[in-house]
C-alpha atoms as a PDB file:
ATOM      1  CA  MET A   1       0.225   0.493   0.019  1.00  0.00           C
ATOM      2  CA  THR A   2       1.710   3.628  -0.756  1.00  0.00           C
ATOM      3  CA  ARG A   3       0.599   7.020  -0.750  1.00  0.00           C
ATOM      4  CA  SER A   4       2.186   9.782  -2.613  1.00  0.00           C
ATOM      5  CA  VAL A   5       2.737  12.910  -0.647  1.00  0.00           C
ATOM      6  CA  LEU A   6       4.220  16.214  -2.170  1.00  0.00           C
ATOM      7  CA  ALA A   7       7.001  17.326   0.066  1.00  0.00           C
ATOM      8  CA  GLU A   8       6.209  20.560   0.837  1.00  0.00           C
ATOM      9  CA  GLU A   9       8.480  21.136   4.562  1.00  0.00           C
ATOM     10  CA  ARG A  10       9.147  25.123   4.424  1.00  0.00           C
ATOM     11  CA  VAL A  11      12.149  26.447   5.471  1.00  0.00           C
ATOM     12  CA  SER A  12      13.824  29.354   6.428  1.00  0.00           C
ATOM     13  CA  ALA A  13      16.557  29.575   3.455  1.00  0.00           C
ATOM     14  CA  SER A  14      17.248  31.648   1.137  1.00  0.00           C
ATOM     15  CA  PHE A  15      17.861  29.943  -2.409  1.00  0.00           C
ATOM     16  CA  ARG A  16      17.228  32.249  -5.339  1.00  0.00           C
ATOM     17  CA  PRO A  17      16.562  31.116  -9.116  1.00  0.00           C
ATOM     18  CA  ASP A  18      19.961  32.427  -9.845  1.00  0.00           C
ATOM     19  CA  GLY A  19      21.790  30.362  -7.313  1.00  0.00           C
ATOM     20  CA  LEU A  20      20.386  26.977  -8.610  1.00  0.00           C
ATOM     21  CA  PRO A  21      22.444  24.853  -8.128  1.00  0.00           C
ATOM     22  CA  ALA A  22      23.953  22.962 -11.764  1.00  0.00           C
ATOM     23  CA  TYR A  23      21.774  19.877 -11.974  1.00  0.00           C
ATOM     24  CA  LEU A  24      18.903  22.028 -11.673  1.00  0.00           C
ATOM     25  CA  ALA A  25      19.556  25.474 -13.987  1.00  0.00           C
ATOM     26  CA  GLY A  26      17.107  25.352 -16.888  1.00  0.00           C
ATOM     27  CA  ASN A  27      14.776  23.727 -14.487  1.00  0.00           C
ATOM     28  CA  VAL A  28      13.542  26.965 -12.067  1.00  0.00           C
ATOM     29  CA  GLY A  29      10.098  25.778 -12.560  1.00  0.00           C
ATOM     30  CA  SER A  30      10.303  22.665 -10.954  1.00  0.00           C
ATOM     31  CA  ALA A  31      12.481  23.405  -8.720  1.00  0.00           C
ATOM     32  CA  LEU A  32      11.516  25.758  -6.570  1.00  0.00           C
ATOM     33  CA  ARG A  33       7.401  26.582  -6.349  1.00  0.00           C
ATOM     34  CA  PHE A  34       7.133  29.663  -3.980  1.00  0.00           C
ATOM     35  CA  CYS A  35       5.264  30.252  -1.158  1.00  0.00           C
ATOM     36  CA  ALA A  36       3.018  33.445   0.533  1.00  0.00           C
ATOM     37  CA  GLN A  37       6.396  34.560   2.916  1.00  0.00           C
ATOM     38  CA  PRO A  38       9.717  35.614   1.781  1.00  0.00           C
ATOM     39  CA  ASP A  39      10.567  31.867   2.700  1.00  0.00           C
ATOM     40  CA  ILE A  40      10.815  29.501  -0.702  1.00  0.00           C
ATOM     41  CA  LEU A  41      11.394  25.204  -0.550  1.00  0.00           C
ATOM     42  CA  SER A  42      14.121  23.576  -0.056  1.00  0.00           C
ATOM     43  CA  LEU A  43      16.072  22.620  -3.597  1.00  0.00           C
ATOM     44  CA  ALA A  44      15.884  18.997  -3.333  1.00  0.00           C
ATOM     45  CA  MET A  45      12.172  18.447  -2.050  1.00  0.00           C
ATOM     46  CA  ALA A  46      10.721  21.427  -4.254  1.00  0.00           C
ATOM     47  CA  GLY A  47       7.913  20.319  -6.595  1.00  0.00           C
ATOM     48  CA  ARG A  48       8.972  16.782  -5.950  1.00  0.00           C
ATOM     49  CA  ALA A  49       5.960  14.734  -5.294  1.00  0.00           C
ATOM     50  CA  HIS A  50       7.306  11.176  -2.935  1.00  0.00           C
ATOM     51  CA  GLU A  51       5.932   7.869  -2.072  1.00  0.00           C
ATOM     52  CA  LEU A  52       5.032   6.376   0.819  1.00  0.00           C
ATOM     53  CA  ILE A  53       5.436   2.139   0.370  1.00  0.00           C
ATOM     54  CA  GLU A  54       5.017   0.569   3.275  1.00  0.00           C
ATOM     55  CA  SER A  55       7.733  -2.250   4.498  1.00  0.00           C
ATOM     56  CA  GLY A  56       8.526  -4.339   7.669  1.00  0.00           C
ATOM     57  CA  ASP A  57       8.505  -3.534  11.495  1.00  0.00           C
ATOM     58  CA  GLY A  58       5.592  -0.618  10.169  1.00  0.00           C
ATOM     59  CA  VAL A  59       8.530   1.550   8.382  1.00  0.00           C
ATOM     60  CA  ARG A  60       6.980   3.161   5.330  1.00  0.00           C
ATOM     61  CA  ILE A  61      10.195   3.687   2.292  1.00  0.00           C
ATOM     62  CA  ALA A  62       9.937   7.058   0.726  1.00  0.00           C
ATOM     63  CA  LEU A  63      10.589   6.628  -3.165  1.00  0.00           C
ATOM     64  CA  HIS A  64      11.691   9.364  -4.759  1.00  0.00           C
ATOM     65  CA  ASP A  65      10.976   9.984  -9.033  1.00  0.00           C
ATOM     66  CA  LEU A  66      14.438  11.645 -10.162  1.00  0.00           C
ATOM     67  CA  GLY A  67      13.273  11.604 -13.939  1.00  0.00           C
ATOM     68  CA  GLY A  68      13.073  10.277 -17.606  1.00  0.00           C
ATOM     69  CA  PRO A  69      11.340   8.683 -19.480  1.00  0.00           C
ATOM     70  CA  SER A  70       8.342   6.375 -18.439  1.00  0.00           C
ATOM     71  CA  ASP A  71       7.432   4.001 -21.918  1.00  0.00           C
ATOM     72  CA  ALA A  72       7.905  -0.095 -20.897  1.00  0.00           C
ATOM     73  CA  ALA A  73      11.055   0.214 -23.803  1.00  0.00           C
ATOM     74  CA  THR A  74      12.736   3.046 -21.684  1.00  0.00           C
ATOM     75  CA  PRO A  75      15.986   1.215 -19.192  1.00  0.00           C
ATOM     76  CA  ALA A  76      15.503   1.958 -15.255  1.00  0.00           C
ATOM     77  CA  LEU A  77      17.437   3.131 -12.560  1.00  0.00           C
ATOM     78  CA  LEU A  78      17.049   2.370  -8.967  1.00  0.00           C
ATOM     79  CA  PHE A  79      19.165   4.346  -6.904  1.00  0.00           C
ATOM     80  CA  SER A  80      20.417   2.822  -3.410  1.00  0.00           C
ATOM     81  CA  HIS A  81      22.575   5.669  -1.090  1.00  0.00           C
ATOM     82  CA  ALA A  82      24.959   5.110   1.837  1.00  0.00           C
ATOM     83  CA  THR A  83      24.583   5.139   5.642  1.00  0.00           C
ATOM     84  CA  GLY A  84      23.543   8.768   6.557  1.00  0.00           C
ATOM     85  CA  LEU A  85      22.528   9.786   3.088  1.00  0.00           C
ATOM     86  CA  HIS A  86      19.687  10.001   1.755  1.00  0.00           C
ATOM     87  CA  GLY A  87      17.921   9.297  -2.391  1.00  0.00           C
ATOM     88  CA  ARG A  88      18.204  12.779  -3.236  1.00  0.00           C
ATOM     89  CA  VAL A  89      22.218  12.577  -3.272  1.00  0.00           C
ATOM     90  CA  TRP A  90      21.233  10.958  -6.449  1.00  0.00           C
ATOM     91  CA  GLU A  91      19.965  14.378  -8.283  1.00  0.00           C
ATOM     92  CA  PRO A  92      23.036  15.694  -9.690  1.00  0.00           C
ATOM     93  CA  MET A  93      24.208  12.028 -11.582  1.00  0.00           C
ATOM     94  CA  ALA A  94      20.433  11.884 -12.226  1.00  0.00           C
ATOM     95  CA  SER A  95      19.730  14.181 -13.915  1.00  0.00           C
ATOM     96  CA  LEU A  96      22.870  13.844 -16.285  1.00  0.00           C
ATOM     97  CA  LEU A  97      20.977  10.058 -17.121  1.00  0.00           C
ATOM     98  CA  SER A  98      17.175  10.404 -16.928  1.00  0.00           C
ATOM     99  CA  ASP A  99      17.453  11.862 -21.176  1.00  0.00           C
ATOM    100  CA  ARG A 100      17.574   8.447 -21.911  1.00  0.00           C
ATOM    101  CA  TYR A 101      17.354   6.402 -18.402  1.00  0.00           C
ATOM    102  CA  ARG A 102      13.500   6.345 -16.305  1.00  0.00           C
ATOM    103  CA  CYS A 103      15.720   6.910 -12.432  1.00  0.00           C
ATOM    104  CA  VAL A 104      14.414   6.696  -9.263  1.00  0.00           C
ATOM    105  CA  SER A 105      15.560   6.671  -5.792  1.00  0.00           C
ATOM    106  CA  LEU A 106      14.816   5.369  -2.015  1.00  0.00           C
ATOM    107  CA  ASP A 107      15.440   6.775   0.911  1.00  0.00           C
ATOM    108  CA  LEU A 108      16.422   3.594   3.266  1.00  0.00           C
ATOM    109  CA  ARG A 109      14.273   3.395   7.039  1.00  0.00           C
ATOM    110  CA  GLY A 110      15.891   5.658   9.062  1.00  0.00           C
ATOM    111  CA  HIS A 111      17.473   8.498   6.275  1.00  0.00           C
ATOM    112  CA  GLY A 112      15.655  11.146   4.557  1.00  0.00           C
ATOM    113  CA  LEU A 113      11.891  11.007   4.482  1.00  0.00           C
ATOM    114  CA  SER A 114      11.338   7.576   5.598  1.00  0.00           C
ATOM    115  CA  GLU A 115      10.336   6.866   8.761  1.00  0.00           C
ATOM    116  CA  LEU A 116      11.883   4.578  11.871  1.00  0.00           C
ATOM    117  CA  PRO A 117       9.207   3.825  14.329  1.00  0.00           C
ATOM    118  CA  PRO A 118      10.234   2.588  17.743  1.00  0.00           C
ATOM    119  CA  GLY A 119      11.331  -0.594  17.959  1.00  0.00           C
ATOM    120  CA  ALA A 120      11.698  -1.206  13.864  1.00  0.00           C
ATOM    121  CA  GLY A 121      14.966  -2.972  13.240  1.00  0.00           C
ATOM    122  CA  VAL A 122      18.063  -1.057  11.059  1.00  0.00           C
ATOM    123  CA  ALA A 123      20.242  -4.463  10.205  1.00  0.00           C
ATOM    124  CA  TRP A 124      21.244  -4.617   6.915  1.00  0.00           C
ATOM    125  CA  SER A 125      18.684  -6.854   5.636  1.00  0.00           C
ATOM    126  CA  ARG A 126      15.684  -4.715   7.219  1.00  0.00           C
ATOM    127  CA  MET A 127      18.148  -2.525   4.988  1.00  0.00           C
ATOM    128  CA  ALA A 128      16.839  -4.985   2.257  1.00  0.00           C
ATOM    129  CA  ASP A 129      13.948  -5.608   2.558  1.00  0.00           C
ATOM    130  CA  ASP A 130      12.948  -1.774   2.471  1.00  0.00           C
ATOM    131  CA  VAL A 131      14.724  -2.517  -1.898  1.00  0.00           C
ATOM    132  CA  LEU A 132      12.427  -5.411  -1.889  1.00  0.00           C
ATOM    133  CA  ALA A 133       9.225  -3.948  -0.313  1.00  0.00           C
ATOM    134  CA  VAL A 134       9.984  -0.964  -3.433  1.00  0.00           C
ATOM    135  CA  LEU A 135      10.898  -4.141  -6.152  1.00  0.00           C
ATOM    136  CA  GLY A 136       7.177  -5.329  -4.994  1.00  0.00           C
ATOM    137  CA  SER A 137       5.156  -1.802  -5.584  1.00  0.00           C
ATOM    138  CA  ASP A 138       3.659  -0.846  -8.057  1.00  0.00           C
ATOM    139  CA  HIS A 139       5.639   2.541  -8.148  1.00  0.00           C
ATOM    140  CA  LEU A 140       8.672   0.863 -10.569  1.00  0.00           C
ATOM    141  CA  PRO A 141       9.299   2.463 -14.227  1.00  0.00           C
ATOM    142  CA  VAL A 142       7.994  -0.704 -16.493  1.00  0.00           C
ATOM    143  CA  GLY A 143      11.654  -0.849 -18.614  1.00  0.00           C
ATOM    144  CA  PRO A 144      14.105  -3.137 -17.383  1.00  0.00           C
ATOM    145  CA  LEU A 145      15.676  -2.348 -13.818  1.00  0.00           C
ATOM    146  CA  HIS A 146      18.866  -1.514 -13.118  1.00  0.00           C
ATOM    147  CA  GLY A 147      20.281  -0.824  -9.293  1.00  0.00           C
ATOM    148  CA  ILE A 148      22.649   1.571  -8.594  1.00  0.00           C
ATOM    149  CA  GLY A 149      24.501   1.221  -5.469  1.00  0.00           C
ATOM    150  CA  HIS A 150      26.536   3.284  -3.184  1.00  0.00           C
ATOM    151  CA  SER A 151      28.479   2.025   0.470  1.00  0.00           C
ATOM    152  CA  MET A 152      25.859   0.611   2.055  1.00  0.00           C
ATOM    153  CA  GLY A 153      23.235   0.731  -0.614  1.00  0.00           C
ATOM    154  CA  GLY A 154      25.209  -1.275  -2.450  1.00  0.00           C
ATOM    155  CA  ALA A 155      25.365  -4.431  -0.150  1.00  0.00           C
ATOM    156  CA  ALA A 156      21.490  -3.767   0.360  1.00  0.00           C
ATOM    157  CA  LEU A 157      21.474  -3.828  -3.653  1.00  0.00           C
ATOM    158  CA  VAL A 158      22.564  -7.080  -3.385  1.00  0.00           C
ATOM    159  CA  LEU A 159      20.379  -8.376  -0.542  1.00  0.00           C
ATOM    160  CA  ALA A 160      17.675  -7.843  -2.264  1.00  0.00           C
ATOM    161  CA  ALA A 161      18.907  -9.480  -5.978  1.00  0.00           C
ATOM    162  CA  ALA A 162      19.363 -12.670  -4.378  1.00  0.00           C
ATOM    163  CA  ALA A 163      15.831 -12.813  -2.598  1.00  0.00           C
ATOM    164  CA  ARG A 164      14.584 -11.737  -5.485  1.00  0.00           C
ATOM    165  CA  PRO A 165      16.947 -13.376  -8.813  1.00  0.00           C
ATOM    166  CA  ASP A 166      14.436 -11.756 -11.518  1.00  0.00           C
ATOM    167  CA  ALA A 167      14.319  -7.862 -10.742  1.00  0.00           C
ATOM    168  CA  PHE A 168      17.290  -7.035 -11.882  1.00  0.00           C
ATOM    169  CA  ARG A 169      19.278  -6.794 -15.079  1.00  0.00           C
ATOM    170  CA  SER A 170      22.137  -5.929 -13.357  1.00  0.00           C
ATOM    171  CA  LEU A 171      23.921  -3.754 -10.621  1.00  0.00           C
ATOM    172  CA  TRP A 172      26.469  -1.328 -10.808  1.00  0.00           C
ATOM    173  CA  LEU A 173      28.339  -0.435  -7.117  1.00  0.00           C
ATOM    174  CA  TYR A 174      30.299   1.696  -5.546  1.00  0.00           C
ATOM    175  CA  GLU A 175      32.317   0.558  -3.031  1.00  0.00           C
ATOM    176  CA  PRO A 176      29.878  -1.807  -1.526  1.00  0.00           C
ATOM    177  CA  VAL A 177      30.299  -2.619   1.970  1.00  0.00           C
ATOM    178  CA  ILE A 178      30.338  -6.522   1.711  1.00  0.00           C
ATOM    179  CA  VAL A 179      32.533  -7.561   4.270  1.00  0.00           C
ATOM    180  CA  PRO A 180      35.015 -11.167   3.590  1.00  0.00           C
ATOM    181  CA  PRO A 181      34.317 -13.123   6.819  1.00  0.00           C
ATOM    182  CA  ALA A 182      38.547 -12.230   7.160  1.00  0.00           C
ATOM    183  CA  ASP A 183      37.548  -8.397   7.775  1.00  0.00           C
ATOM    184  CA  ARG A 184      34.682  -8.751   9.697  1.00  0.00           C
ATOM    185  CA  PRO A 185      36.195  -7.805  13.333  1.00  0.00           C
ATOM    186  CA  LEU A 186      37.087  -4.643  11.815  1.00  0.00           C
ATOM    187  CA  PHE A 187      33.784  -4.085  11.299  1.00  0.00           C
ATOM    188  CA  ASP A 188      31.646  -5.724  14.142  1.00  0.00           C
ATOM    189  CA  GLY A 189      29.599  -3.233  16.285  1.00  0.00           C
ATOM    190  CA  ASP A 190      31.555   0.248  17.712  1.00  0.00           C
ATOM    191  CA  ASN A 191      34.411   0.886  14.887  1.00  0.00           C
ATOM    192  CA  PRO A 192      35.817   4.120  14.156  1.00  0.00           C
ATOM    193  CA  MET A 193      32.767   5.166  11.522  1.00  0.00           C
ATOM    194  CA  SER A 194      30.339   4.090  14.440  1.00  0.00           C
ATOM    195  CA  GLU A 195      31.958   6.244  16.762  1.00  0.00           C
ATOM    196  CA  ALA A 196      32.574   9.571  14.356  1.00  0.00           C
ATOM    197  CA  ALA A 197      28.636   8.359  13.829  1.00  0.00           C
ATOM    198  CA  SER A 198      27.710   9.522  17.178  1.00  0.00           C
ATOM    199  CA  ARG A 199      29.377  12.548  17.759  1.00  0.00           C
ATOM    200  CA  ARG A 200      27.407  13.784  14.818  1.00  0.00           C
ATOM    201  CA  ARG A 201      26.162  17.263  15.083  1.00  0.00           C
ATOM    202  CA  ASP A 202      22.892  17.301  14.078  1.00  0.00           C
ATOM    203  CA  GLU A 203      21.742  20.784  14.458  1.00  0.00           C
ATOM    204  CA  PHE A 204      22.189  23.744  12.497  1.00  0.00           C
ATOM    205  CA  ASP A 205      20.650  27.354  12.749  1.00  0.00           C
ATOM    206  CA  SER A 206      19.919  26.943   8.392  1.00  0.00           C
ATOM    207  CA  LEU A 207      20.538  24.857   5.701  1.00  0.00           C
ATOM    208  CA  ASP A 208      23.031  27.528   4.689  1.00  0.00           C
ATOM    209  CA  GLN A 209      25.223  27.200   8.768  1.00  0.00           C
ATOM    210  CA  ALA A 210      25.074  23.070   7.224  1.00  0.00           C
ATOM    211  CA  TYR A 211      26.504  23.428   4.512  1.00  0.00           C
ATOM    212  CA  GLU A 212      29.449  26.187   4.626  1.00  0.00           C
ATOM    213  CA  ASN A 213      30.184  23.914   7.703  1.00  0.00           C
ATOM    214  CA  TYR A 214      29.993  20.395   5.947  1.00  0.00           C
ATOM    215  CA  ARG A 215      32.117  21.610   3.093  1.00  0.00           C
ATOM    216  CA  SER A 216      34.673  23.134   5.445  1.00  0.00           C
ATOM    217  CA  LYS A 217      36.113  19.935   6.180  1.00  0.00           C
ATOM    218  CA  PRO A 218      36.522  16.138   5.908  1.00  0.00           C
ATOM    219  CA  PRO A 219      35.213  13.529   4.672  1.00  0.00           C
ATOM    220  CA  LEU A 220      32.101  15.840   3.161  1.00  0.00           C
ATOM    221  CA  ASP A 221      34.363  18.115   1.753  1.00  0.00           C
ATOM    222  CA  GLN A 222      34.835  15.878  -0.865  1.00  0.00           C
ATOM    223  CA  LEU A 223      31.467  15.994  -2.648  1.00  0.00           C
ATOM    224  CA  HIS A 224      30.466  18.208  -5.600  1.00  0.00           C
ATOM    225  CA  PRO A 225      28.464  21.465  -4.270  1.00  0.00           C
ATOM    226  CA  ASP A 226      25.863  20.619  -6.227  1.00  0.00           C
ATOM    227  CA  ALA A 227      25.929  16.732  -4.070  1.00  0.00           C
ATOM    228  CA  LEU A 228      26.658  18.717  -0.768  1.00  0.00           C
ATOM    229  CA  ARG A 229      23.578  20.712  -1.682  1.00  0.00           C
ATOM    230  CA  ALA A 230      21.944  17.860  -2.695  1.00  0.00           C
ATOM    231  CA  TYR A 231      22.540  16.352   0.497  1.00  0.00           C
ATOM    232  CA  VAL A 232      22.228  19.388   2.994  1.00  0.00           C
ATOM    233  CA  ASP A 233      18.676  19.999   1.485  1.00  0.00           C
ATOM    234  CA  GLY A 234      16.624  16.589   1.368  1.00  0.00           C
ATOM    235  CA  GLY A 235      19.639  15.389   5.007  1.00  0.00           C
ATOM    236  CA  PHE A 236      17.679  18.027   7.143  1.00  0.00           C
ATOM    237  CA  ALA A 237      14.077  18.366   8.512  1.00  0.00           C
ATOM    238  CA  PRO A 238      12.832  22.040   9.918  1.00  0.00           C
ATOM    239  CA  THR A 239      12.354  22.606  13.286  1.00  0.00           C
ATOM    240  CA  PRO A 240       9.640  25.490  15.727  1.00  0.00           C
ATOM    241  CA  ASP A 241      12.108  27.563  15.404  1.00  0.00           C
ATOM    242  CA  GLY A 242      13.501  27.888  12.855  1.00  0.00           C
ATOM    243  CA  SER A 243      16.708  25.335  13.158  1.00  0.00           C
ATOM    244  CA  VAL A 244      17.476  22.596  11.378  1.00  0.00           C
ATOM    245  CA  THR A 245      17.827  18.777  12.156  1.00  0.00           C
ATOM    246  CA  LEU A 246      19.291  15.443  11.168  1.00  0.00           C
ATOM    247  CA  ARG A 247      16.627  13.234  10.025  1.00  0.00           C
ATOM    248  CA  CYS A 248      19.460  10.715  10.105  1.00  0.00           C
ATOM    249  CA  ARG A 249      19.695  10.226  13.852  1.00  0.00           C
ATOM    250  CA  PRO A 250      24.062  10.240  14.972  1.00  0.00           C
ATOM    251  CA  SER A 251      22.579   7.495  16.530  1.00  0.00           C
ATOM    252  CA  THR A 252      21.015   5.619  14.243  1.00  0.00           C
ATOM    253  CA  GLU A 253      23.695   6.286  11.380  1.00  0.00           C
ATOM    254  CA  ALA A 254      26.113   4.809  14.430  1.00  0.00           C
ATOM    255  CA  GLU A 255      23.551   2.132  14.924  1.00  0.00           C
ATOM    256  CA  VAL A 256      23.604   0.980  11.362  1.00  0.00           C
ATOM    257  CA  PHE A 257      27.422   1.344  10.907  1.00  0.00           C
ATOM    258  CA  ARG A 258      27.660  -1.498  13.830  1.00  0.00           C
ATOM    259  CA  ARG A 259      25.805  -3.684  11.788  1.00  0.00           C
ATOM    260  CA  ALA A 260      28.101  -3.640   8.920  1.00  0.00           C
ATOM    261  CA  ALA A 261      29.707  -6.856   9.680  1.00  0.00           C
ATOM    262  CA  THR A 262      26.133  -8.521  10.611  1.00  0.00           C
ATOM    263  CA  SER A 263      24.969  -8.044   6.522  1.00  0.00           C
ATOM    264  CA  GLY A 264      25.138 -11.950   5.191  1.00  0.00           C
ATOM    265  CA  ALA A 265      25.861 -10.209   1.956  1.00  0.00           C
ATOM    266  CA  TRP A 266      28.834 -11.908   1.237  1.00  0.00           C
ATOM    267  CA  ALA A 267      26.838 -15.328   1.447  1.00  0.00           C
ATOM    268  CA  THR A 268      24.753 -14.162  -1.292  1.00  0.00           C
ATOM    269  CA  VAL A 269      27.365 -13.199  -3.577  1.00  0.00           C
ATOM    270  CA  ASP A 270      28.157 -16.605  -4.942  1.00  0.00           C
ATOM    271  CA  SER A 271      24.677 -17.141  -6.258  1.00  0.00           C
ATOM    272  CA  LEU A 272      23.809 -13.797  -8.382  1.00  0.00           C
ATOM    273  CA  GLY A 273      24.459 -14.525 -11.972  1.00  0.00           C
ATOM    274  CA  LEU A 274      22.962 -10.907 -13.861  1.00  0.00           C
ATOM    275  CA  PRO A 275      26.117  -8.988 -14.446  1.00  0.00           C
ATOM    276  CA  VAL A 276      27.552  -6.595 -11.341  1.00  0.00           C
ATOM    277  CA  ALA A 277      30.065  -4.163 -11.333  1.00  0.00           C
ATOM    278  CA  ILE A 278      32.467  -3.564  -8.775  1.00  0.00           C
ATOM    279  CA  VAL A 279      33.811  -0.123  -8.759  1.00  0.00           C
ATOM    280  CA  VAL A 280      36.333   1.236  -6.553  1.00  0.00           C
ATOM    281  CA  GLY A 281      38.251   3.641  -5.823  1.00  0.00           C
ATOM    282  CA  ARG A 282      40.835   4.736  -3.668  1.00  0.00           C
ATOM    283  CA  PRO A 283      42.340   3.102  -0.346  1.00  0.00           C
ATOM    284  CA  GLU A 284      41.031   5.465   2.723  1.00  0.00           C
ATOM    285  CA  PRO A 285      41.713   3.783   5.598  1.00  0.00           C
ATOM    286  CA  MET A 286      38.348   2.066   7.367  1.00  0.00           C
ATOM    287  CA  SER A 287      37.231   1.840   2.966  1.00  0.00           C
ATOM    288  CA  PRO A 288      35.863  -0.574   1.384  1.00  0.00           C
ATOM    289  CA  ALA A 289      38.054  -0.758  -1.241  1.00  0.00           C
ATOM    290  CA  ALA A 290      40.333  -2.858   1.025  1.00  0.00           C
ATOM    291  CA  PHE A 291      37.723  -6.006   0.168  1.00  0.00           C
ATOM    292  CA  ALA A 292      36.199  -4.794  -3.863  1.00  0.00           C
ATOM    293  CA  PRO A 293      38.706  -7.301  -5.396  1.00  0.00           C
ATOM    294  CA  ALA A 294      37.227  -9.801  -2.804  1.00  0.00           C
ATOM    295  CA  ILE A 295      33.449  -9.475  -4.369  1.00  0.00           C
ATOM    296  CA  ALA A 296      34.246  -8.882  -7.703  1.00  0.00           C
ATOM    297  CA  ALA A 297      36.662 -12.449  -7.521  1.00  0.00           C
ATOM    298  CA  ALA A 298      33.743 -14.228  -5.997  1.00  0.00           C
ATOM    299  CA  LEU A 299      30.827 -13.036  -8.052  1.00  0.00           C
ATOM    300  CA  PRO A 300      30.203 -15.154 -10.791  1.00  0.00           C
ATOM    301  CA  ARG A 301      30.025 -12.308 -13.832  1.00  0.00           C
ATOM    302  CA  GLY A 302      31.478  -9.703 -11.051  1.00  0.00           C
ATOM    303  CA  THR A 303      33.927  -7.241 -13.067  1.00  0.00           C
ATOM    304  CA  LEU A 304      36.244  -4.909 -11.486  1.00  0.00           C
ATOM    305  CA  MET A 305      36.199  -0.815 -12.388  1.00  0.00           C
ATOM    306  CA  GLU A 306      38.916   0.973 -10.673  1.00  0.00           C
ATOM    307  CA  ARG A 307      38.652   4.397 -10.648  1.00  0.00           C
ATOM    308  CA  PRO A 308      41.697   6.106  -7.922  1.00  0.00           C
ATOM    309  CA  ARG A 309      41.701   9.598  -8.506  1.00  0.00           C
ATOM    310  CA  LEU A 310      38.279   9.399  -6.825  1.00  0.00           C
ATOM    311  CA  GLY A 311      37.522   7.914  -2.687  1.00  0.00           C
ATOM    312  CA  HIS A 312      34.765   5.812  -1.191  1.00  0.00           C
ATOM    313  CA  PHE A 313      31.865   8.587  -2.358  1.00  0.00           C
ATOM    314  CA  GLY A 314      32.782   9.083  -5.911  1.00  0.00           C
ATOM    315  CA  PRO A 315      29.080   9.388  -7.390  1.00  0.00           C
ATOM    316  CA  LEU A 316      28.561  12.204  -5.402  1.00  0.00           C
ATOM    317  CA  GLU A 317      33.188  13.027  -5.806  1.00  0.00           C
ATOM    318  CA  ASP A 318      32.018  13.288  -9.275  1.00  0.00           C
ATOM    319  CA  PRO A 319      28.388  12.488 -11.158  1.00  0.00           C
ATOM    320  CA  GLU A 320      29.351  13.683 -13.929  1.00  0.00           C
ATOM    321  CA  ALA A 321      32.048  10.793 -15.043  1.00  0.00           C
ATOM    322  CA  MET A 322      30.168   8.282 -12.715  1.00  0.00           C
ATOM    323  CA  ALA A 323      27.166   9.607 -14.661  1.00  0.00           C
ATOM    324  CA  ALA A 324      29.158   8.015 -17.998  1.00  0.00           C
ATOM    325  CA  ASP A 325      30.596   4.884 -15.980  1.00  0.00           C
ATOM    326  CA  VAL A 326      26.970   4.486 -15.566  1.00  0.00           C
ATOM    327  CA  ALA A 327      25.625   4.409 -18.987  1.00  0.00           C
ATOM    328  CA  ASP A 328      28.498   2.885 -20.265  1.00  0.00           C
ATOM    329  CA  TRP A 329      28.023  -0.493 -18.093  1.00  0.00           C
ATOM    330  CA  VAL A 330      24.098  -0.025 -18.898  1.00  0.00           C
ATOM    331  CA  GLU A 331      24.281  -0.102 -22.450  1.00  0.00           C
ATOM    332  CA  GLY A 332      27.264  -3.261 -22.753  1.00  0.00           C
ATOM    333  CA  CYS A 333      24.082  -5.010 -20.466  1.00  0.00           C
ATOM    334  CA  SER A 334      21.699  -3.947 -22.523  1.00  0.00           C
ATOM    335  CA  SER A 335      23.853  -4.614 -25.469  1.00  0.00           C
ATOM    336  CA  ARG A 336      24.739  -8.705 -24.433  1.00  0.00           C
ATOM    337  CA  ALA A 337      21.180  -8.500 -23.688  1.00  0.00           C
ATOM    338  CA  GLY A 338      19.904  -7.836 -27.260  1.00  0.00           C
END
């Protein structure tokens, strides 16, 4: 069961049409919907509808339409985000693909506009349940479907593809967190990522203050400005006092990181019969880049693609190059299927 809602949450930002990020330039009418007051809607939410799709544990998952043709012959791309992010971070990359593909993204539970009721689990198998709920809904595009995942979102797609072998034509995964047995002690329970997440600042005076804070220091200073803007605009909710607060709570993000080693994704990779691209950036501390070659080797139809100039945030660091990679991959898979 789903229901369509229009994201019309007013924030006290002061964006102007002449300050639009590049991926929204030329489409001001759909990017901005002015209110009676001087405030205008958050760019990532303005003029956009999203569907809420029921998943397990009483969770409802937000599915975002990022544009593109809707005919049955057009391939569709389902984007799945990393821990702590949300589906709107794919907007800059999707804007470069929506001329030839139908693009949709989801907010996994506890992230973005998706819900996390008390008692709902955040095990990565539950993230896969969220993907499966989307796959089982009537709101996906009708064309051949390809999964595009980043980090935890890539692992969720792998788990979903193992449960539904007929769902995807292919997967393109940037540094998916699929932990081989030998590496599990590094990621099991509390780890540097979960500890950093638990200390994350969760409130700012405005979206602009959050943006300036993030772009001035690691790790989010690595993001392309448009991707960082999309993250901030979609990642915060307004509060009654006019400030903004993170939608993905630091405690939720930390708990998701603690579950990385027990996702169960590694046990499924050798059963996947579809083409899977494992895209890897440069080695970094506590980065899943270290075990990308092992994942690709374990996949029956795995392909390792190395992009050493990018870090773990690759799709958000260089949306243009990553969009070109995705297009090449999907076209190659489509031609082989044809």
